[in-house]
Protein backbone atom coordinates (compact mmCIF):
# COMPACT_ATOMS: atom_id res chain seq x y z
CA LEU A 1 -34.45 132.32 53.70
CA SER A 2 -30.88 133.59 53.70
CA GLY A 3 -30.53 134.90 50.17
CA ALA A 4 -29.59 133.50 46.80
CA ALA A 5 -25.87 133.28 47.56
CA ALA A 6 -26.21 131.06 50.66
CA PRO A 7 -26.68 127.73 48.81
CA PHE A 8 -23.56 128.41 46.74
CA PHE A 9 -21.51 129.09 49.87
CA VAL A 10 -22.85 125.89 51.47
CA ALA A 11 -22.00 123.89 48.33
CA CYS A 12 -18.52 125.43 48.27
CA GLY A 13 -17.97 124.56 51.93
CA LEU A 14 -19.14 120.98 51.41
CA SER A 15 -16.85 120.66 48.38
CA ALA A 16 -13.92 121.86 50.46
CA LEU A 17 -14.83 119.38 53.19
CA SER A 18 -14.99 116.53 50.67
CA MET A 19 -11.55 117.53 49.34
CA ILE A 20 -10.17 117.24 52.87
CA PHE A 21 -11.66 113.75 53.26
CA ILE A 22 -10.33 112.68 49.86
CA TRP A 23 -6.88 114.05 50.70
CA ARG A 24 -6.86 112.00 53.93
CA MET A 25 -7.71 108.73 52.14
CA PRO A 26 -4.87 106.22 52.03
CA SER A 27 -3.31 105.81 48.62
CA VAL A 28 -3.64 102.50 46.85
CA PRO A 29 -0.88 101.49 44.47
CA PRO A 30 -2.11 101.00 40.91
CA LYS A 31 -2.41 97.46 39.57
CA GLU A 32 0.07 96.33 37.01
CA ALA A 33 -1.55 96.49 33.59
CA SER A 34 -1.16 93.26 31.64
CA GLY A 35 -1.19 95.17 28.39
CA LYS A 36 -2.75 98.17 26.77
CA VAL A 37 -6.32 97.45 25.62
CA ALA A 38 -8.28 99.80 23.41
CA LEU A 39 -11.32 101.55 24.88
CA VAL A 40 -13.64 99.89 22.36
CA GLU A 41 -12.32 96.46 23.35
CA GLU A 42 -12.80 97.23 27.05
CA LEU A 43 -16.40 98.32 26.48
CA THR A 44 -16.98 95.25 24.31
CA GLN A 45 -15.77 93.07 27.18
CA GLY A 46 -18.26 94.82 29.44
CA VAL A 47 -21.12 94.28 26.97
CA ARG A 48 -20.21 90.58 26.65
CA ALA A 49 -20.21 90.21 30.43
CA VAL A 50 -23.66 91.81 30.66
CA GLN A 51 -24.97 89.54 27.90
CA ALA A 52 -23.53 86.48 29.64
CA SER A 53 -25.48 87.14 32.83
CA ARG A 54 -29.26 87.15 32.53
CA PRO A 55 -29.80 88.81 35.95
CA LEU A 56 -27.25 91.52 35.13
CA THR A 57 -28.89 92.09 31.74
CA TRP A 58 -32.28 92.66 33.39
CA VAL A 59 -30.81 94.97 36.02
CA MET A 60 -29.08 97.02 33.30
CA ILE A 61 -32.31 97.19 31.25
CA SER A 62 -34.33 98.24 34.30
CA GLY A 63 -31.74 100.94 35.02
CA LEU A 64 -32.01 102.25 31.48
CA VAL A 65 -35.81 102.24 31.57
CA GLY A 66 -35.77 103.95 34.97
CA THR A 67 -33.40 106.61 33.73
CA VAL A 68 -35.52 107.31 30.66
CA MET A 69 -38.84 107.27 32.53
CA ILE A 70 -38.00 108.84 35.91
CA VAL A 71 -35.24 111.42 35.41
CA PRO A 72 -36.94 113.71 32.84
CA HIS A 73 -39.66 114.86 35.26
CA VAL A 74 -37.13 117.19 36.87
CA ALA A 75 -36.81 119.17 33.63
CA LEU A 76 -40.53 119.96 33.87
CA PHE A 77 -40.30 121.55 37.33
CA PRO A 78 -40.00 125.12 35.97
CA ILE A 79 -43.15 124.62 33.89
CA TYR A 80 -45.07 123.27 36.90
CA GLN A 81 -43.71 126.06 39.10
CA ARG A 82 -44.73 128.83 36.71
CA ASP A 83 -47.79 127.57 34.84
CA ILE A 84 -49.51 125.05 37.09
CA LEU A 85 -48.58 125.76 40.70
CA ASP A 86 -48.21 129.52 40.14
CA VAL A 87 -45.30 129.99 42.54
CA GLY A 88 -42.18 132.09 42.10
CA PRO A 89 -38.53 131.09 41.94
CA SER A 90 -38.46 130.27 45.65
CA GLY A 91 -41.28 127.79 44.99
CA LEU A 92 -39.11 126.10 42.39
CA GLY A 93 -36.31 125.89 44.93
CA LEU A 94 -38.69 124.30 47.44
CA MET A 95 -39.77 121.78 44.81
CA PHE A 96 -36.16 120.70 44.26
CA ALA A 97 -35.55 120.71 48.02
CA ALA A 98 -38.61 118.54 48.70
CA SER A 99 -37.39 115.97 46.19
CA GLY A 100 -33.93 116.11 47.76
CA VAL A 101 -35.30 115.59 51.27
CA GLY A 102 -37.02 112.38 50.17
CA ALA A 103 -33.86 111.23 48.40
CA LEU A 104 -31.71 111.88 51.49
CA ILE A 105 -34.10 110.05 53.79
CA VAL A 106 -34.21 106.91 51.68
CA ALA A 107 -30.47 106.99 50.98
CA PHE A 108 -29.78 106.99 54.72
CA LEU A 109 -32.37 104.24 55.30
CA ILE A 110 -30.83 102.06 52.62
CA ALA A 111 -27.35 102.65 54.03
CA LEU A 112 -28.50 101.76 57.55
CA THR A 113 -30.50 98.67 56.59
CA SER A 114 -28.55 97.34 53.62
CA SER A 115 -27.53 93.74 53.34
CA GLU A 116 -24.77 92.09 51.40
CA ARG A 117 -27.13 91.43 48.52
CA PRO A 118 -29.43 94.23 47.33
CA SER A 119 -33.02 93.31 46.52
CA LEU A 120 -34.07 93.32 42.87
CA ARG A 121 -37.73 93.18 43.87
CA LEU A 122 -37.39 96.21 46.12
CA SER A 123 -35.55 98.08 43.38
CA LEU A 124 -38.27 97.32 40.81
CA PHE A 125 -41.00 98.18 43.34
CA MET A 126 -39.38 101.55 44.03
CA GLY A 127 -39.03 102.23 40.30
CA ALA A 128 -42.70 101.40 39.71
CA MET A 129 -43.73 103.55 42.67
CA ALA A 130 -41.61 106.44 41.34
CA GLY A 131 -43.52 106.19 38.06
CA LEU A 132 -46.87 106.13 39.87
CA THR A 133 -45.81 109.08 42.03
CA ILE A 134 -44.84 111.07 38.93
CA THR A 135 -48.33 110.41 37.58
CA ILE A 136 -49.90 111.59 40.84
CA PHE A 137 -47.68 114.69 40.88
CA SER A 138 -48.76 115.54 37.33
CA GLN A 139 -52.37 115.81 38.52
CA SER A 140 -51.70 118.09 41.49
CA ASP A 141 -52.42 121.79 41.31
CA SER A 142 -51.85 122.41 45.02
CA PHE A 143 -48.37 123.62 45.93
CA LEU A 144 -48.27 122.07 49.41
CA LEU A 145 -49.64 118.76 48.16
CA SER A 146 -47.09 118.83 45.33
CA LEU A 147 -44.26 119.34 47.83
CA ALA A 148 -45.43 116.32 49.84
CA ILE A 149 -45.66 114.24 46.67
CA LEU A 150 -42.16 115.35 45.64
CA VAL A 151 -40.74 114.15 48.97
CA ILE A 152 -42.23 110.73 48.25
CA LEU A 153 -41.08 110.85 44.62
CA GLY A 154 -37.54 111.76 45.67
CA ALA A 155 -37.52 108.79 48.06
CA PHE A 156 -38.77 106.27 45.50
CA SER A 157 -36.55 107.47 42.67
CA GLN A 158 -33.42 107.58 44.84
CA GLY A 159 -34.26 104.17 46.26
CA PHE A 160 -34.61 102.74 42.76
CA PHE A 161 -31.36 104.22 41.46
CA THR A 162 -29.36 103.35 44.60
CA LEU A 163 -30.52 99.74 44.63
CA ASN A 164 -30.14 99.41 40.86
CA MET A 165 -26.51 100.56 40.97
CA ALA A 166 -25.83 98.34 43.98
CA LEU A 167 -27.25 95.39 42.04
CA VAL A 168 -25.05 96.20 39.04
CA GLN A 169 -22.00 96.26 41.28
CA ASN A 170 -23.08 93.10 43.09
CA LEU A 171 -23.69 91.12 39.89
CA ALA A 172 -20.74 92.37 37.84
CA PRO A 173 -17.59 90.25 37.79
CA PRO A 174 -15.00 92.16 39.85
CA ALA A 175 -12.47 92.29 37.02
CA LEU A 176 -15.03 93.92 34.72
CA MET A 177 -16.95 96.07 37.20
CA GLY A 178 -15.55 99.39 35.93
CA ARG A 179 -16.44 98.53 32.36
CA ILE A 180 -19.96 97.46 33.27
CA VAL A 181 -20.61 100.46 35.50
CA ALA A 182 -19.41 102.66 32.61
CA LEU A 183 -22.16 101.11 30.46
CA ARG A 184 -24.82 101.85 33.07
CA ILE A 185 -26.48 105.10 32.07
């Protein structure tokens, strides 16, 4: 609506705003390192910790499967935009925006209603629904219907990934959390 440059200026402004917030954060003194450990050893410690916890193993596997099965649909948007939905570049932008609207809505809902312990069942349900919604989207040849489906898809996929990462952080031993999160694709 306001030209191709407007989103870049908005992104730049939001980046500047985030830098201000980061600058205002209180500094935390670094922990004393007990000794230098090689990167391979640190990652091995993370893998061992994941293997030692059956729930954490399943959460990590579900995150990997979700990443492999859900994320690639975005790469197909230009094909759908051009060959199936027959809309121009602005249509592609609306497709990404629709998905983002759904993601923002569910991210805010999760933040407002979250508990101390994230729900594995809800995470898996959202992942399964994201897969089903991708299947439904693949059958749509109506642009407006596709936009509505993408809002729902954005919500389910963001819900899955948010809850999955929260579960990883909740289940990981605090001393190894960084190593385990680094393993999470």
